Amino acid sequence: MADLPGFVWALVLLGVVGIPAVTCVMLYRGAVAAGVGTRAAAGIAGGTFVVIGGWLVVSGLIAEAGFYRQQPGQVRPWLGVAFAGILTVLLLATRIPVVSRVLAEPGTLARLVLPHTLRVAGVLFLIVMALGKLPPVFALPAGLGDIAVGLAAPLVAWRVYHGAGRRQALWFNVLGIVDLVVAVTIGFLAGLGPFRPLDVTPTTEALSLLPLTLVATGAVPVALALHIVSLRRLRASRSLPGHGDSLLRAAG
């Protein structure tokens, strides 16, 4: 477990719990708008939160046991396996018929943008860097990228809701994916993988320890899944809706 102050844990939990929680609220609102009924909507949202929440607990136990941490002379792929595994589960879940129906609802694209607002919690990478636990080569692009995405999310969501933000939604999701891919790649090259072509001090080893490993195995896969689903919706629709329930009402 990384030796980090309590407020860093709070920022981690803000993103790790907050992003899935807002996603579940948006799924509930989308399910109601799709006409599946409030009971089914609650089941979809609640089931999603239970799956992600249960995975976070399991991932935390795995991290506490030290399985994510790379040891000299050993190859431990478990962090990558965990990341790829939960991402695959989330994407496969979107193929469930009732979930597909919800995601096909016209207001979905706007709703899927809103959870990214909590990526402003990426400021924690800059804080941990200042504490000497993460290298600037990782913390600066990862932290600043997440903050930029988080600040842009409400504006993009508002534009999409009003039917004038198709291009902005495309760029938002593409750049959001680039931000995550760059962060994950640098993280592995600077300490999480078996080889370290980026020879920096400190390394990114803290990302394999609690609490930061919950970001890598929880918040990042959820955010990446949201981007991928959003791009699917953009490809499937020729025009964005200008009607539907407001994101502000959905959030409140």
C-alpha atoms as a PDB file:
ATOM      1  CA  MET A   1       0.000   0.000   0.000  1.00  0.00           C
ATOM      2  CA  ALA A   2       1.364   3.394  -0.992  1.00  0.00           C
ATOM      3  CA  ASP A   3       2.053   5.781   1.868  1.00  0.00           C
ATOM      4  CA  LEU A   4      -0.310   8.573   0.865  1.00  0.00           C
ATOM      5  CA  PRO A   5      -2.326  11.068   2.923  1.00  0.00           C
ATOM      6  CA  GLY A   6      -6.057  10.678   3.503  1.00  0.00           C
ATOM      7  CA  PHE A   7      -7.093  13.442   1.112  1.00  0.00           C
ATOM      8  CA  VAL A   8      -5.461  11.537  -1.757  1.00  0.00           C
ATOM      9  CA  TRP A   9      -7.605   8.532  -0.855  1.00  0.00           C
ATOM     10  CA  ALA A  10     -10.640  10.839  -0.929  1.00  0.00           C
ATOM     11  CA  LEU A  11      -9.753  12.067  -4.429  1.00  0.00           C
ATOM     12  CA  VAL A  12      -9.229   8.495  -5.608  1.00  0.00           C
ATOM     13  CA  LEU A  13     -12.635   7.464  -4.276  1.00  0.00           C
ATOM     14  CA  LEU A  14     -14.235  10.532  -5.863  1.00  0.00           C
ATOM     15  CA  GLY A  15     -13.240   9.273  -9.274  1.00  0.00           C
ATOM     16  CA  VAL A  16     -13.352   5.535  -8.679  1.00  0.00           C
ATOM     17  CA  VAL A  17     -16.806   5.553  -7.058  1.00  0.00           C
ATOM     18  CA  GLY A  18     -18.172   8.776  -8.531  1.00  0.00           C
ATOM     19  CA  ILE A  19     -17.753   7.929 -12.218  1.00  0.00           C
ATOM     20  CA  PRO A  20     -19.602   4.578 -11.953  1.00  0.00           C
ATOM     21  CA  ALA A  21     -22.247   6.160  -9.698  1.00  0.00           C
ATOM     22  CA  VAL A  22     -23.022   8.967 -12.154  1.00  0.00           C
ATOM     23  CA  THR A  23     -22.984   6.418 -14.982  1.00  0.00           C
ATOM     24  CA  CYS A  24     -25.602   4.370 -13.145  1.00  0.00           C
ATOM     25  CA  VAL A  25     -27.789   7.442 -12.645  1.00  0.00           C
ATOM     26  CA  MET A  26     -27.536   8.190 -16.356  1.00  0.00           C
ATOM     27  CA  LEU A  27     -28.413   4.572 -17.195  1.00  0.00           C
ATOM     28  CA  TYR A  28     -31.466   4.819 -14.959  1.00  0.00           C
ATOM     29  CA  ARG A  29     -32.619   8.016 -16.644  1.00  0.00           C
ATOM     30  CA  GLY A  30     -31.965   6.544 -20.063  1.00  0.00           C
ATOM     31  CA  ALA A  31     -33.881   3.370 -19.199  1.00  0.00           C
ATOM     32  CA  VAL A  32     -36.877   5.383 -18.040  1.00  0.00           C
ATOM     33  CA  ALA A  33     -36.742   7.473 -21.213  1.00  0.00           C
ATOM     34  CA  ALA A  34     -36.524   4.261 -23.268  1.00  0.00           C
ATOM     35  CA  GLY A  35     -39.755   3.082 -21.682  1.00  0.00           C
ATOM     36  CA  VAL A  36     -38.495  -0.056 -19.976  1.00  0.00           C
ATOM     37  CA  GLY A  37     -40.188   0.884 -16.705  1.00  0.00           C
ATOM     38  CA  THR A  38     -38.847   2.169 -13.419  1.00  0.00           C
ATOM     39  CA  ARG A  39     -38.330  -1.295 -11.916  1.00  0.00           C
ATOM     40  CA  ALA A  40     -36.264  -2.490 -14.873  1.00  0.00           C
ATOM     41  CA  ALA A  41     -34.427   0.841 -14.924  1.00  0.00           C
ATOM     42  CA  ALA A  42     -33.523   0.450 -11.258  1.00  0.00           C
ATOM     43  CA  GLY A  43     -32.403  -3.112 -11.935  1.00  0.00           C
ATOM     44  CA  ILE A  44     -30.089  -2.019 -14.747  1.00  0.00           C
ATOM     45  CA  ALA A  45     -28.582   0.828 -12.754  1.00  0.00           C
ATOM     46  CA  GLY A  46     -28.330  -1.169  -9.532  1.00  0.00           C
ATOM     47  CA  GLY A  47     -26.912  -4.226 -11.258  1.00  0.00           C
ATOM     48  CA  THR A  48     -24.269  -2.115 -12.965  1.00  0.00           C
ATOM     49  CA  PHE A  49     -23.225  -0.524  -9.696  1.00  0.00           C
ATOM     50  CA  VAL A  50     -23.097  -3.890  -7.909  1.00  0.00           C
ATOM     51  CA  VAL A  51     -20.896  -5.381 -10.640  1.00  0.00           C
ATOM     52  CA  ILE A  52     -18.483  -2.447 -10.700  1.00  0.00           C
ATOM     53  CA  GLY A  53     -18.533  -2.032  -6.921  1.00  0.00           C
ATOM     54  CA  GLY A  54     -17.933  -5.730  -6.390  1.00  0.00           C
ATOM     55  CA  TRP A  55     -15.041  -5.637  -8.823  1.00  0.00           C
ATOM     56  CA  LEU A  56     -13.482  -2.685  -6.973  1.00  0.00           C
ATOM     57  CA  VAL A  57     -13.567  -4.673  -3.745  1.00  0.00           C
ATOM     58  CA  VAL A  58     -11.998  -7.704  -5.434  1.00  0.00           C
ATOM     59  CA  SER A  59      -9.368  -5.546  -7.132  1.00  0.00           C
ATOM     60  CA  GLY A  60      -8.534  -3.907  -3.831  1.00  0.00           C
ATOM     61  CA  LEU A  61      -8.005  -7.304  -2.206  1.00  0.00           C
ATOM     62  CA  ILE A  62      -5.804  -8.403  -5.114  1.00  0.00           C
ATOM     63  CA  ALA A  63      -3.743  -5.234  -4.770  1.00  0.00           C
ATOM     64  CA  GLU A  64      -3.460  -5.676  -1.002  1.00  0.00           C
ATOM     65  CA  ALA A  65      -2.103  -9.183  -1.592  1.00  0.00           C
ATOM     66  CA  GLY A  66       0.574  -7.700  -3.846  1.00  0.00           C
ATOM     67  CA  PHE A  67      -0.350  -9.484  -7.078  1.00  0.00           C
ATOM     68  CA  TYR A  68      -0.340  -6.302  -9.186  1.00  0.00           C
ATOM     69  CA  ARG A  69       3.146  -5.291  -8.121  1.00  0.00           C
ATOM     70  CA  GLN A  70       6.043  -6.147 -10.427  1.00  0.00           C
ATOM     71  CA  GLN A  71       8.916  -7.980  -8.779  1.00  0.00           C
ATOM     72  CA  PRO A  72      12.505  -7.914 -10.114  1.00  0.00           C
ATOM     73  CA  GLY A  73      13.084 -10.830 -12.479  1.00  0.00           C
ATOM     74  CA  GLN A  74       9.396 -11.762 -12.549  1.00  0.00           C
ATOM     75  CA  VAL A  75       6.657 -11.073 -15.069  1.00  0.00           C
ATOM     76  CA  ARG A  76       3.326 -10.394 -13.399  1.00  0.00           C
ATOM     77  CA  PRO A  77       0.641  -9.589 -15.967  1.00  0.00           C
ATOM     78  CA  TRP A  78      -2.202  -9.389 -13.464  1.00  0.00           C
ATOM     79  CA  LEU A  79      -2.676  -5.633 -13.575  1.00  0.00           C
ATOM     80  CA  GLY A  80      -3.016  -5.733 -17.356  1.00  0.00           C
ATOM     81  CA  VAL A  81      -5.265  -8.793 -17.142  1.00  0.00           C
ATOM     82  CA  ALA A  82      -7.490  -7.057 -14.591  1.00  0.00           C
ATOM     83  CA  PHE A  83      -7.723  -3.908 -16.722  1.00  0.00           C
ATOM     84  CA  ALA A  84      -8.539  -5.815 -19.917  1.00  0.00           C
ATOM     85  CA  GLY A  85     -10.906  -8.176 -18.122  1.00  0.00           C
ATOM     86  CA  ILE A  86     -13.206  -5.580 -16.568  1.00  0.00           C
ATOM     87  CA  LEU A  87     -13.184  -3.505 -19.775  1.00  0.00           C
ATOM     88  CA  THR A  88     -14.257  -6.596 -21.754  1.00  0.00           C
ATOM     89  CA  VAL A  89     -17.024  -7.365 -19.250  1.00  0.00           C
ATOM     90  CA  LEU A  90     -18.365  -3.814 -19.457  1.00  0.00           C
ATOM     91  CA  LEU A  91     -18.382  -3.790 -23.261  1.00  0.00           C
ATOM     92  CA  LEU A  92     -20.016  -7.220 -23.457  1.00  0.00           C
ATOM     93  CA  ALA A  93     -22.710  -6.031 -21.040  1.00  0.00           C
ATOM     94  CA  THR A  94     -23.726  -3.360 -23.567  1.00  0.00           C
ATOM     95  CA  ARG A  95     -24.783  -6.229 -25.871  1.00  0.00           C
ATOM     96  CA  ILE A  96     -27.465  -7.397 -23.443  1.00  0.00           C
ATOM     97  CA  PRO A  97     -30.774  -6.660 -25.255  1.00  0.00           C
ATOM     98  CA  VAL A  98     -32.333  -4.440 -22.606  1.00  0.00           C
ATOM     99  CA  VAL A  99     -29.068  -2.537 -22.140  1.00  0.00           C
ATOM    100  CA  SER A 100     -28.733  -2.121 -25.909  1.00  0.00           C
ATOM    101  CA  ARG A 101     -32.248  -0.700 -25.966  1.00  0.00           C
ATOM    102  CA  VAL A 102     -31.345   1.828 -23.293  1.00  0.00           C
ATOM    103  CA  LEU A 103     -28.143   2.834 -25.082  1.00  0.00           C
ATOM    104  CA  ALA A 104     -30.090   3.284 -28.330  1.00  0.00           C
ATOM    105  CA  GLU A 105     -32.367   5.876 -26.691  1.00  0.00           C
ATOM    106  CA  PRO A 106     -31.838   9.264 -28.423  1.00  0.00           C
ATOM    107  CA  GLY A 107     -30.572  11.063 -25.320  1.00  0.00           C
ATOM    108  CA  THR A 108     -27.921   8.466 -24.487  1.00  0.00           C
ATOM    109  CA  LEU A 109     -24.996  10.191 -26.165  1.00  0.00           C
ATOM    110  CA  ALA A 110     -25.438  13.285 -24.042  1.00  0.00           C
ATOM    111  CA  ARG A 111     -25.855  11.263 -20.859  1.00  0.00           C
ATOM    112  CA  LEU A 112     -22.679   9.263 -21.442  1.00  0.00           C
ATOM    113  CA  VAL A 113     -20.597  12.443 -21.451  1.00  0.00           C
ATOM    114  CA  LEU A 114     -21.617  13.622 -17.990  1.00  0.00           C
ATOM    115  CA  PRO A 115     -19.756  11.004 -15.856  1.00  0.00           C
ATOM    116  CA  HIS A 116     -16.458  12.236 -17.317  1.00  0.00           C
ATOM    117  CA  THR A 117     -16.917  15.461 -15.334  1.00  0.00           C
ATOM    118  CA  LEU A 118     -15.481  13.646 -12.312  1.00  0.00           C
ATOM    119  CA  ARG A 119     -12.208  13.074 -14.124  1.00  0.00           C
ATOM    120  CA  VAL A 120     -11.175  16.418 -12.669  1.00  0.00           C
ATOM    121  CA  ALA A 121     -10.144  14.185  -9.759  1.00  0.00           C
ATOM    122  CA  GLY A 122      -7.101  13.485 -11.950  1.00  0.00           C
ATOM    123  CA  VAL A 123      -5.531  16.381 -10.082  1.00  0.00           C
ATOM    124  CA  LEU A 124      -4.546  13.646  -7.616  1.00  0.00           C
ATOM    125  CA  PHE A 125      -1.767  12.569 -10.019  1.00  0.00           C
ATOM    126  CA  LEU A 126      -0.229  16.038  -9.780  1.00  0.00           C
ATOM    127  CA  ILE A 127      -0.515  15.942  -6.000  1.00  0.00           C
ATOM    128  CA  VAL A 128       1.089  12.505  -5.753  1.00  0.00           C
ATOM    129  CA  MET A 129       3.849  13.732  -8.085  1.00  0.00           C
ATOM    130  CA  ALA A 130       4.450  16.674  -5.739  1.00  0.00           C
ATOM    131  CA  LEU A 131       4.699  14.163  -2.887  1.00  0.00           C
ATOM    132  CA  GLY A 132       7.500  12.417  -4.784  1.00  0.00           C
ATOM    133  CA  LYS A 133       5.569   9.195  -5.493  1.00  0.00           C
ATOM    134  CA  LEU A 134       4.991   9.542  -9.265  1.00  0.00           C
ATOM    135  CA  PRO A 135       7.273  10.727 -12.091  1.00  0.00           C
ATOM    136  CA  PRO A 136       6.387  13.926 -13.991  1.00  0.00           C
ATOM    137  CA  VAL A 137       6.586  12.025 -17.294  1.00  0.00           C
ATOM    138  CA  PHE A 138       3.421  10.188 -16.212  1.00  0.00           C
ATOM    139  CA  ALA A 139       1.712  12.537 -13.792  1.00  0.00           C
ATOM    140  CA  LEU A 140       1.714  15.647 -15.985  1.00  0.00           C
ATOM    141  CA  PRO A 141       0.010  14.196 -19.094  1.00  0.00           C
ATOM    142  CA  ALA A 142      -2.275  11.929 -17.047  1.00  0.00           C
ATOM    143  CA  GLY A 143      -3.307  14.589 -14.547  1.00  0.00           C
ATOM    144  CA  LEU A 144      -3.637  17.539 -16.920  1.00  0.00           C
ATOM    145  CA  GLY A 145      -5.380  15.382 -19.521  1.00  0.00           C
ATOM    146  CA  ASP A 146      -7.980  14.164 -17.036  1.00  0.00           C
ATOM    147  CA  ILE A 147      -8.567  17.668 -15.714  1.00  0.00           C
ATOM    148  CA  ALA A 148      -9.086  18.992 -19.265  1.00  0.00           C
ATOM    149  CA  VAL A 149     -11.552  16.207 -20.069  1.00  0.00           C
ATOM    150  CA  GLY A 150     -13.412  16.762 -16.810  1.00  0.00           C
ATOM    151  CA  LEU A 151     -13.740  20.505 -17.378  1.00  0.00           C
ATOM    152  CA  ALA A 152     -14.864  20.034 -20.977  1.00  0.00           C
ATOM    153  CA  ALA A 153     -17.479  17.374 -20.188  1.00  0.00           C
ATOM    154  CA  PRO A 154     -20.340  19.647 -18.976  1.00  0.00           C
ATOM    155  CA  LEU A 155     -19.978  21.966 -21.972  1.00  0.00           C
ATOM    156  CA  VAL A 156     -19.883  19.079 -24.442  1.00  0.00           C
ATOM    157  CA  ALA A 157     -22.862  17.448 -22.726  1.00  0.00           C
ATOM    158  CA  TRP A 158     -24.840  20.701 -22.980  1.00  0.00           C
ATOM    159  CA  ARG A 159     -23.962  21.069 -26.666  1.00  0.00           C
ATOM    160  CA  VAL A 160     -24.898  17.474 -27.422  1.00  0.00           C
ATOM    161  CA  TYR A 161     -28.187  17.793 -25.570  1.00  0.00           C
ATOM    162  CA  HIS A 162     -29.111  20.828 -27.667  1.00  0.00           C
ATOM    163  CA  GLY A 163     -28.302  18.975 -30.877  1.00  0.00           C
ATOM    164  CA  ALA A 164     -25.349  21.113 -31.959  1.00  0.00           C
ATOM    165  CA  GLY A 165     -22.422  19.141 -30.640  1.00  0.00           C
ATOM    166  CA  ARG A 166     -21.850  16.146 -32.901  1.00  0.00           C
ATOM    167  CA  ARG A 167     -18.357  17.230 -33.910  1.00  0.00           C
ATOM    168  CA  GLN A 168     -17.518  18.261 -30.347  1.00  0.00           C
ATOM    169  CA  ALA A 169     -18.730  14.871 -29.074  1.00  0.00           C
ATOM    170  CA  LEU A 170     -16.550  13.086 -31.617  1.00  0.00           C
ATOM    171  CA  TRP A 171     -13.426  15.023 -30.673  1.00  0.00           C
ATOM    172  CA  PHE A 172     -14.227  14.816 -26.965  1.00  0.00           C
ATOM    173  CA  ASN A 173     -14.407  11.033 -27.069  1.00  0.00           C
ATOM    174  CA  VAL A 174     -11.399  10.585 -29.340  1.00  0.00           C
ATOM    175  CA  LEU A 175      -9.217  12.868 -27.235  1.00  0.00           C
ATOM    176  CA  GLY A 176     -10.562  11.277 -24.054  1.00  0.00           C
ATOM    177  CA  ILE A 177      -9.436   7.877 -25.311  1.00  0.00           C
ATOM    178  CA  VAL A 178      -6.050   9.296 -26.329  1.00  0.00           C
ATOM    179  CA  ASP A 179      -5.623  10.703 -22.817  1.00  0.00           C
ATOM    180  CA  LEU A 180      -6.323   7.319 -21.246  1.00  0.00           C
ATOM    181  CA  VAL A 181      -4.182   5.360 -23.708  1.00  0.00           C
ATOM    182  CA  VAL A 182      -1.234   7.717 -23.229  1.00  0.00           C
ATOM    183  CA  ALA A 183      -1.515   7.481 -19.441  1.00  0.00           C
ATOM    184  CA  VAL A 184      -1.770   3.674 -19.466  1.00  0.00           C
ATOM    185  CA  THR A 185       1.134   3.335 -21.920  1.00  0.00           C
ATOM    186  CA  ILE A 186       3.459   5.619 -19.964  1.00  0.00           C
ATOM    187  CA  GLY A 187       2.432   3.905 -16.742  1.00  0.00           C
ATOM    188  CA  PHE A 188       3.509   0.514 -18.067  1.00  0.00           C
ATOM    189  CA  LEU A 189       6.683   1.796 -19.694  1.00  0.00           C
ATOM    190  CA  ALA A 190       7.791   3.601 -16.545  1.00  0.00           C
ATOM    191  CA  GLY A 191       7.319   0.921 -13.937  1.00  0.00           C
ATOM    192  CA  LEU A 192       4.175  -1.196 -14.226  1.00  0.00           C
ATOM    193  CA  GLY A 193       5.440  -3.539 -16.932  1.00  0.00           C
ATOM    194  CA  PRO A 194       8.172  -6.176 -16.695  1.00  0.00           C
ATOM    195  CA  PHE A 195      10.531  -3.904 -18.639  1.00  0.00           C
ATOM    196  CA  ARG A 196      11.175  -0.211 -17.989  1.00  0.00           C
ATOM    197  CA  PRO A 197      12.319   1.547 -21.163  1.00  0.00           C
ATOM    198  CA  LEU A 198      11.470   4.820 -19.422  1.00  0.00           C
ATOM    199  CA  ASP A 199      14.134   4.865 -16.701  1.00  0.00           C
ATOM    200  CA  VAL A 200      12.707   7.464 -14.333  1.00  0.00           C
ATOM    201  CA  THR A 201      12.790   8.036 -10.605  1.00  0.00           C
ATOM    202  CA  PRO A 202      10.387   7.576  -8.994  1.00  0.00           C
ATOM    203  CA  THR A 203       8.786   4.915 -11.163  1.00  0.00           C
ATOM    204  CA  THR A 204       5.045   4.438 -11.596  1.00  0.00           C
ATOM    205  CA  GLU A 205       5.074   1.555  -9.111  1.00  0.00           C
ATOM    206  CA  ALA A 206       2.609   3.467  -6.903  1.00  0.00           C
ATOM    207  CA  LEU A 207      -0.061   2.763  -9.532  1.00  0.00           C
ATOM    208  CA  SER A 208       0.115  -0.927  -8.662  1.00  0.00           C
ATOM    209  CA  LEU A 209      -0.525  -0.191  -4.975  1.00  0.00           C
ATOM    210  CA  LEU A 210      -3.578   0.975  -3.082  1.00  0.00           C
ATOM    211  CA  PRO A 211      -5.235   3.380  -3.493  1.00  0.00           C
ATOM    212  CA  LEU A 212      -4.002   4.352  -6.979  1.00  0.00           C
ATOM    213  CA  THR A 213      -4.429   0.857  -8.410  1.00  0.00           C
ATOM    214  CA  LEU A 214      -8.195   1.329  -8.063  1.00  0.00           C
ATOM    215  CA  VAL A 215      -7.922   4.093 -10.650  1.00  0.00           C
ATOM    216  CA  ALA A 216      -6.109   1.823 -13.084  1.00  0.00           C
ATOM    217  CA  THR A 217      -8.436  -1.153 -12.599  1.00  0.00           C
ATOM    218  CA  GLY A 218     -11.699   0.716 -11.950  1.00  0.00           C
ATOM    219  CA  ALA A 219     -12.105   4.307 -13.071  1.00  0.00           C
ATOM    220  CA  VAL A 220     -10.022   4.028 -16.256  1.00  0.00           C
ATOM    221  CA  PRO A 221     -11.825   0.963 -17.704  1.00  0.00           C
ATOM    222  CA  VAL A 222     -15.226   2.537 -16.954  1.00  0.00           C
ATOM    223  CA  ALA A 223     -14.220   5.824 -18.586  1.00  0.00           C
ATOM    224  CA  LEU A 224     -12.782   4.005 -21.602  1.00  0.00           C
ATOM    225  CA  ALA A 225     -15.960   1.942 -21.971  1.00  0.00           C
ATOM    226  CA  LEU A 226     -18.044   5.139 -21.908  1.00  0.00           C
ATOM    227  CA  HIS A 227     -15.938   6.614 -24.699  1.00  0.00           C
ATOM    228  CA  ILE A 228     -16.158   3.477 -26.833  1.00  0.00           C
ATOM    229  CA  VAL A 229     -19.937   3.216 -26.440  1.00  0.00           C
ATOM    230  CA  SER A 230     -20.292   6.922 -27.255  1.00  0.00           C
ATOM    231  CA  LEU A 231     -18.314   6.482 -30.474  1.00  0.00           C
ATOM    232  CA  ARG A 232     -20.551   3.560 -31.375  1.00  0.00           C
ATOM    233  CA  ARG A 233     -23.592   5.780 -30.901  1.00  0.00           C
ATOM    234  CA  LEU A 234     -22.037   8.508 -33.038  1.00  0.00           C
ATOM    235  CA  ARG A 235     -21.395   6.039 -35.815  1.00  0.00           C
ATOM    236  CA  ALA A 236     -24.907   4.596 -35.544  1.00  0.00           C
ATOM    237  CA  SER A 237     -26.700   7.933 -35.733  1.00  0.00           C
ATOM    238  CA  ARG A 238     -26.558  10.475 -38.513  1.00  0.00           C
ATOM    239  CA  SER A 239     -27.861  13.345 -36.446  1.00  0.00           C
ATOM    240  CA  LEU A 240     -27.988  14.181 -32.777  1.00  0.00           C
ATOM    241  CA  PRO A 241     -31.357  14.639 -31.076  1.00  0.00           C
ATOM    242  CA  GLY A 242     -32.459  18.063 -30.052  1.00  0.00           C
ATOM    243  CA  HIS A 243     -35.032  16.847 -27.630  1.00  0.00           C
ATOM    244  CA  GLY A 244     -35.249  14.545 -24.656  1.00  0.00           C
ATOM    245  CA  ASP A 245     -34.809  15.080 -20.934  1.00  0.00           C
ATOM    246  CA  SER A 246     -32.186  17.605 -19.929  1.00  0.00           C
ATOM    247  CA  LEU A 247     -28.870  16.415 -18.503  1.00  0.00           C
ATOM    248  CA  LEU A 248     -29.255  18.886 -15.718  1.00  0.00           C
ATOM    249  CA  ARG A 249     -32.582  17.353 -14.808  1.00  0.00           C
ATOM    250  CA  ALA A 250     -31.058  13.896 -15.197  1.00  0.00           C
ATOM    251  CA  ALA A 251     -28.279  14.758 -12.789  1.00  0.00           C
ATOM    252  CA  GLY A 252     -30.618  16.308 -10.297  1.00  0.00           C
END
